[in-house]
Amino acid sequence: MERIGVILCSKSKQDYPCSVREMYDVSISFKARRIFMDLVYDKWYVNTTSKGFMDPNLNIEPYDSWYIEQSRMMTGNVVTEDMITDWLDRLKLQFPNRENIQLDCHLSTPYFKKLKSIFPQARYIKPMANFTVTAWRYHDASKMFLEGATLEECLEFITKPHVKLRPEEEEKWFYHYNGDKFYGKAWALYIKYNIDNGTVYGLSMGRNPIAYGWVTDESLLSHIYITKGGQYRLPKEISKKLRDAYPYKKRDGLRKDLINLEKSTKQYA
C-alpha cells in the first residue's frame, strides 16, 4: 500500500510566483510541517480546496485563501458545497486507486472528514490547538526521525496530548507600592482595580515580577521606583533575576531552530 502525507496550505503567502513549498514558507507553522514531510514521506502534497492536492515543487501564483470552515485562526472566504464537490472530484481523478493509499492527514478536522469520505485508508494526525505548540512538535519529531525514530513513533509524538506543566493559580497576597494589600486571584484583582487581567495573571503565576505597582513578594516593595512617565518599575538586575528564575518559560527561537534543522535534514538526505 502506498503511503502519502498531506498538509494544509497557509493564509500567509509570498507576494510573487514561486513553488508551493516556498509560497507558504513564510508561515512558521507550515515550515515546521513542511520540513517534517520532506524528511519522512517519499510523496506528500499541500491541500487547498480551490486547487486540490499540489505537489510541493509545483509553481503557483499568489491567490486568495478559501476555507471549509472559519475559525479564530482561519478567516477569509468560505467554500460552497459545490466547491467542495469539485475539490473531491478533482482528487478522485488525481488518485483513481485511493483504496490502495494510506493518506496521513496532517490538517484540521473539517478537511479530514471530507477526505475520509473518498480515501478509505485516511488517517487523522491531530494537531495541537495551539499553532506554536504544533510547530514545535513537528520540529522535535523531525529531530527524533534524524536520531533514528520510526515514522510511527514520530506521529505518536506529534499527536500526544499536550500536558501543561504550569500549576493552577492559587489565591495569594498582592502588595502595592502605595501600601494597598489584596488577597485573592488575578481575576478578582483585575475586577477591583480595573487593570489588565493578563498582566496581573502573569504576576500571580510568577512570570511577571511586577504589574501596575503590584508585587507578590512584599520584600520587593522597597525596590520599586516610578518612571517619569508614571510607570512602576523594578531595577533591571532584579527583574532579570526573577524572570530567569521562572520555571515555565515558553520556548523561543523556533524560526532560527527550523533553519538549522533544515540544514541537518539536507545533510541527512
Protein backbone atom coordinates (compact mmCIF):
# COMPACT_ATOMS: atom_id res chain seq x y z
CA MET A 1 0.00 0.00 0.00
CA GLU A 2 1.33 3.44 -0.94
CA ARG A 3 1.67 5.90 1.92
CA ILE A 4 1.48 9.63 1.30
CA GLY A 5 1.10 12.68 3.51
CA VAL A 6 -0.88 15.87 3.09
CA ILE A 7 -0.71 19.17 4.94
CA LEU A 8 -2.84 22.28 4.70
CA CYS A 9 -1.83 25.43 2.88
CA SER A 10 -1.42 28.69 4.79
CA LYS A 11 -3.12 32.05 4.69
CA SER A 12 0.37 33.62 4.88
CA LYS A 13 1.94 33.62 1.42
CA GLN A 14 4.71 35.13 -0.66
CA ASP A 15 3.63 38.02 -2.89
CA TYR A 16 5.30 36.60 -6.01
CA PRO A 17 5.04 33.41 -8.14
CA CYS A 18 7.10 30.53 -6.74
CA SER A 19 6.97 26.87 -5.79
CA VAL A 20 4.29 25.60 -3.44
CA ARG A 21 6.87 24.87 -0.74
CA GLU A 22 8.23 28.42 -0.95
CA MET A 23 4.81 30.08 -1.26
CA TYR A 24 3.72 29.20 2.29
CA ASP A 25 7.11 29.00 4.00
CA VAL A 26 6.57 32.48 5.47
CA SER A 27 4.26 30.68 7.93
CA ILE A 28 6.32 29.16 10.71
CA SER A 29 3.62 26.53 11.30
CA PHE A 30 3.72 25.48 7.65
CA LYS A 31 7.52 25.49 7.57
CA ALA A 32 7.73 23.13 10.55
CA ARG A 33 5.31 20.70 8.91
CA ARG A 34 6.97 21.03 5.51
CA ILE A 35 10.42 20.12 6.87
CA PHE A 36 8.91 17.05 8.52
CA MET A 37 7.08 15.99 5.36
CA ASP A 38 10.22 16.37 3.25
CA LEU A 39 12.07 14.19 5.70
CA VAL A 40 9.69 11.29 6.32
CA TYR A 41 7.47 10.91 3.22
CA ASP A 42 8.56 9.87 -0.25
CA LYS A 43 5.46 11.58 -1.60
CA TRP A 44 3.45 14.36 0.01
CA TYR A 45 1.15 17.20 -1.00
CA VAL A 46 -0.22 20.55 0.10
CA ASN A 47 -4.01 20.74 0.10
CA THR A 48 -6.15 23.71 -0.83
CA THR A 49 -9.84 23.39 -1.57
CA SER A 50 -9.55 25.72 -4.55
CA LYS A 51 -6.69 23.80 -6.19
CA GLY A 52 -6.68 20.29 -4.72
CA PHE A 53 -3.52 18.40 -3.74
CA MET A 54 -0.48 20.31 -5.00
CA ASP A 55 2.99 18.86 -5.47
CA PRO A 56 5.37 20.94 -3.29
CA ASN A 57 7.56 21.65 -6.32
CA LEU A 58 4.71 23.00 -8.45
CA ASN A 59 5.00 26.68 -9.33
CA ILE A 60 1.91 28.74 -8.49
CA GLU A 61 0.75 32.35 -8.28
CA PRO A 62 -0.38 34.03 -5.03
CA TYR A 63 -4.14 33.65 -4.51
CA ASP A 64 -6.93 34.31 -2.01
CA SER A 65 -7.44 31.68 0.68
CA TRP A 66 -10.66 29.66 0.99
CA TYR A 67 -11.66 27.57 4.00
CA ILE A 68 -14.18 24.81 4.65
CA GLU A 69 -14.96 26.47 7.99
CA GLN A 70 -13.97 29.76 9.56
CA SER A 71 -12.21 29.76 12.91
CA ARG A 72 -10.36 32.17 15.16
CA MET A 73 -7.14 31.49 13.23
CA MET A 74 -8.62 30.85 9.80
CA THR A 75 -10.67 33.73 8.50
CA GLY A 76 -11.50 34.53 4.91
CA ASN A 77 -13.59 33.08 2.10
CA VAL A 78 -15.71 30.05 2.94
CA VAL A 79 -16.14 27.46 0.21
CA THR A 80 -19.57 26.44 -1.03
CA GLU A 81 -20.85 22.88 -1.21
CA ASP A 82 -20.34 22.95 -4.99
CA MET A 83 -16.70 23.93 -4.48
CA ILE A 84 -16.22 21.07 -2.01
CA THR A 85 -17.74 18.65 -4.53
CA ASP A 86 -15.42 19.95 -7.26
CA TRP A 87 -12.43 19.59 -4.93
CA LEU A 88 -13.27 15.98 -4.09
CA ASP A 89 -14.00 15.13 -7.74
CA ARG A 90 -10.60 16.56 -8.68
CA LEU A 91 -8.94 14.32 -6.09
CA LYS A 92 -10.81 11.26 -7.37
CA LEU A 93 -9.34 11.86 -10.81
CA GLN A 94 -5.90 12.56 -9.39
CA PHE A 95 -5.93 9.36 -7.28
CA PRO A 96 -8.04 6.68 -9.03
CA ASN A 97 -6.68 3.89 -6.79
CA ARG A 98 -7.49 5.51 -3.47
CA GLU A 99 -8.25 2.22 -1.74
CA ASN A 100 -4.54 1.38 -2.07
CA ILE A 101 -3.36 4.63 -0.49
CA GLN A 102 -2.80 5.27 3.19
CA LEU A 103 -3.30 9.03 3.45
CA ASP A 104 -1.78 10.62 6.53
CA CYS A 105 -3.79 13.81 7.02
CA HIS A 106 -1.78 16.47 8.84
CA LEU A 107 -4.59 19.01 8.77
CA SER A 108 -7.69 20.09 10.69
CA THR A 109 -10.80 18.02 11.37
CA PRO A 110 -13.17 19.52 8.74
CA TYR A 111 -10.74 18.65 5.93
CA PHE A 112 -10.06 15.18 7.29
CA LYS A 113 -13.78 14.34 7.43
CA LYS A 114 -14.19 15.24 3.75
CA LEU A 115 -11.05 13.36 2.70
CA LYS A 116 -12.07 10.28 4.70
CA SER A 117 -15.20 10.05 2.54
CA ILE A 118 -13.09 9.27 -0.55
CA PHE A 119 -9.86 7.87 0.95
CA PRO A 120 -10.93 4.79 2.97
CA GLN A 121 -7.44 4.42 4.48
CA ALA A 122 -7.15 8.07 5.55
CA ARG A 123 -5.60 8.61 8.97
CA TYR A 124 -6.02 11.72 11.08
CA ILE A 125 -2.82 13.20 12.52
CA LYS A 126 -4.48 15.51 15.03
CA PRO A 127 -2.68 18.83 15.59
CA MET A 128 -2.50 20.69 18.88
CA ALA A 129 -4.94 23.56 19.38
CA ASN A 130 -2.05 26.00 19.71
CA PHE A 131 -0.21 26.66 16.42
CA THR A 132 3.15 27.32 18.12
CA VAL A 133 2.95 24.13 20.18
CA THR A 134 2.13 22.21 16.99
CA ALA A 135 5.09 23.74 15.16
CA TRP A 136 7.44 22.75 17.97
CA ARG A 137 6.01 19.21 17.87
CA TYR A 138 6.88 18.87 14.19
CA HIS A 139 10.31 20.39 14.82
CA ASP A 140 11.01 17.89 17.60
CA ALA A 141 9.55 14.99 15.60
CA SER A 142 11.93 15.79 12.74
CA LYS A 143 14.85 15.66 15.16
CA MET A 144 13.56 12.35 16.51
CA PHE A 145 13.50 10.91 12.99
CA LEU A 146 17.04 12.11 12.32
CA GLU A 147 18.11 10.37 15.52
CA GLY A 148 16.61 7.05 14.46
CA ALA A 149 12.94 7.09 15.49
CA THR A 150 10.41 5.46 13.16
CA LEU A 151 7.66 7.37 11.37
CA GLU A 152 5.08 5.77 13.65
CA GLU A 153 6.98 6.90 16.75
CA CYS A 154 7.15 10.43 15.34
CA LEU A 155 3.42 10.51 14.56
CA GLU A 156 2.60 9.23 18.04
CA PHE A 157 4.71 12.04 19.50
CA ILE A 158 3.04 14.70 17.31
CA THR A 159 -0.46 13.66 18.40
CA LYS A 160 0.36 13.08 22.06
CA PRO A 161 -1.88 15.32 24.23
CA HIS A 162 -0.19 18.49 25.39
CA VAL A 163 0.42 18.47 29.13
CA LYS A 164 0.58 21.87 30.78
CA LEU A 165 3.38 21.91 33.32
CA ARG A 166 2.29 25.19 34.85
CA PRO A 167 0.26 24.66 38.06
CA GLU A 168 -3.18 26.12 38.67
CA GLU A 169 -3.34 29.63 40.09
CA GLU A 170 -3.83 29.85 43.84
CA GLU A 171 -5.08 32.70 46.00
CA LYS A 172 -2.28 34.82 47.40
CA TRP A 173 -1.42 38.23 48.80
CA PHE A 174 -0.72 41.09 46.38
CA TYR A 175 1.14 44.16 47.67
CA HIS A 176 1.09 47.61 46.06
CA TYR A 177 3.68 50.39 46.12
CA ASN A 178 1.11 52.76 47.67
CA GLY A 179 0.50 50.42 50.63
CA ASP A 180 -2.63 48.63 49.41
CA LYS A 181 -2.92 44.90 50.02
CA PHE A 182 -5.21 42.41 48.32
CA TYR A 183 -5.82 38.70 48.88
CA GLY A 184 -7.23 36.55 46.09
CA LYS A 185 -6.58 35.63 42.47
CA ALA A 186 -5.62 37.77 39.50
CA TRP A 187 -9.18 37.96 38.15
CA ALA A 188 -10.51 39.44 41.40
CA LEU A 189 -7.65 41.95 41.49
CA TYR A 190 -8.44 42.93 37.89
CA ILE A 191 -12.13 43.43 38.73
CA LYS A 192 -11.46 45.59 41.78
CA TYR A 193 -8.74 47.82 40.30
CA ASN A 194 -9.65 47.72 36.57
CA ILE A 195 -6.16 46.72 35.40
CA ASP A 196 -5.17 44.31 32.63
CA ASN A 197 -6.07 40.76 33.69
CA GLY A 198 -3.41 39.05 31.54
CA THR A 199 -0.59 41.14 33.00
CA VAL A 200 -1.81 40.59 36.56
CA TYR A 201 -2.22 36.86 35.90
CA GLY A 202 1.41 36.78 34.78
CA LEU A 203 2.34 38.39 38.09
CA SER A 204 0.25 35.89 40.04
CA MET A 205 1.89 32.95 38.26
CA GLY A 206 5.41 34.31 38.66
CA ARG A 207 6.01 35.19 35.01
CA ASN A 208 5.97 38.96 35.63
CA PRO A 209 7.82 40.29 38.71
CA ILE A 210 5.70 43.47 38.85
CA ALA A 211 2.39 44.67 37.38
CA TYR A 212 0.98 48.20 37.76
CA GLY A 213 2.86 48.66 41.03
CA TRP A 214 1.71 45.30 42.43
CA VAL A 215 4.08 42.52 43.55
CA THR A 216 3.51 39.20 45.29
CA ASP A 217 6.78 39.37 47.24
CA GLU A 218 6.42 42.06 49.90
CA SER A 219 10.20 42.44 50.17
CA LEU A 220 10.26 43.90 46.64
CA LEU A 221 8.24 46.98 47.63
CA SER A 222 11.32 48.88 48.77
CA HIS A 223 12.92 48.39 45.33
CA ILE A 224 10.04 49.80 43.26
CA TYR A 225 10.52 53.19 41.63
CA ILE A 226 8.30 55.33 39.39
CA THR A 227 9.49 56.48 35.96
CA LYS A 228 8.99 59.98 34.55
CA GLY A 229 6.08 58.56 32.60
CA GLY A 230 4.41 57.38 35.81
CA GLN A 231 5.14 53.66 35.36
CA TYR A 232 6.14 51.36 38.20
CA ARG A 233 9.43 49.55 37.72
CA LEU A 234 11.89 47.29 39.49
CA PRO A 235 15.64 47.67 38.85
CA LYS A 236 16.70 45.74 35.74
CA GLU A 237 19.01 43.39 37.62
CA ILE A 238 16.18 42.34 39.97
CA SER A 239 13.65 41.94 37.15
CA LYS A 240 16.09 39.85 35.11
CA LYS A 241 16.92 37.60 38.06
CA LEU A 242 13.24 36.95 38.76
CA ARG A 243 12.35 36.37 35.08
CA ASP A 244 15.28 33.98 34.65
CA ALA A 245 14.07 32.01 37.67
CA TYR A 246 10.59 31.49 36.19
CA PRO A 247 10.40 27.70 35.54
CA TYR A 248 7.66 27.66 32.87
CA LYS A 249 9.14 29.81 30.11
CA LYS A 250 7.84 29.44 26.57
CA ARG A 251 10.29 28.05 24.05
CA ASP A 252 11.74 30.79 21.88
CA GLY A 253 13.75 30.86 18.66
CA LEU A 254 11.58 28.50 16.63
CA ARG A 255 12.28 30.11 13.25
CA LYS A 256 16.04 30.04 13.82
CA ASP A 257 15.86 26.44 15.01
CA LEU A 258 13.88 25.46 11.92
CA ILE A 259 16.54 26.97 9.65
CA ASN A 260 19.22 24.95 11.44
CA LEU A 261 17.03 21.85 11.37
CA GLU A 262 16.55 22.14 7.63
CA LYS A 263 20.32 22.23 7.16
CA SER A 264 20.53 18.97 9.12
CA THR A 265 17.81 17.34 7.02
CA LYS A 266 19.63 18.26 3.81
CA GLN A 267 22.79 16.65 5.17
CA TYR A 268 20.72 13.59 6.13
CA ALA A 269 19.26 13.36 2.61
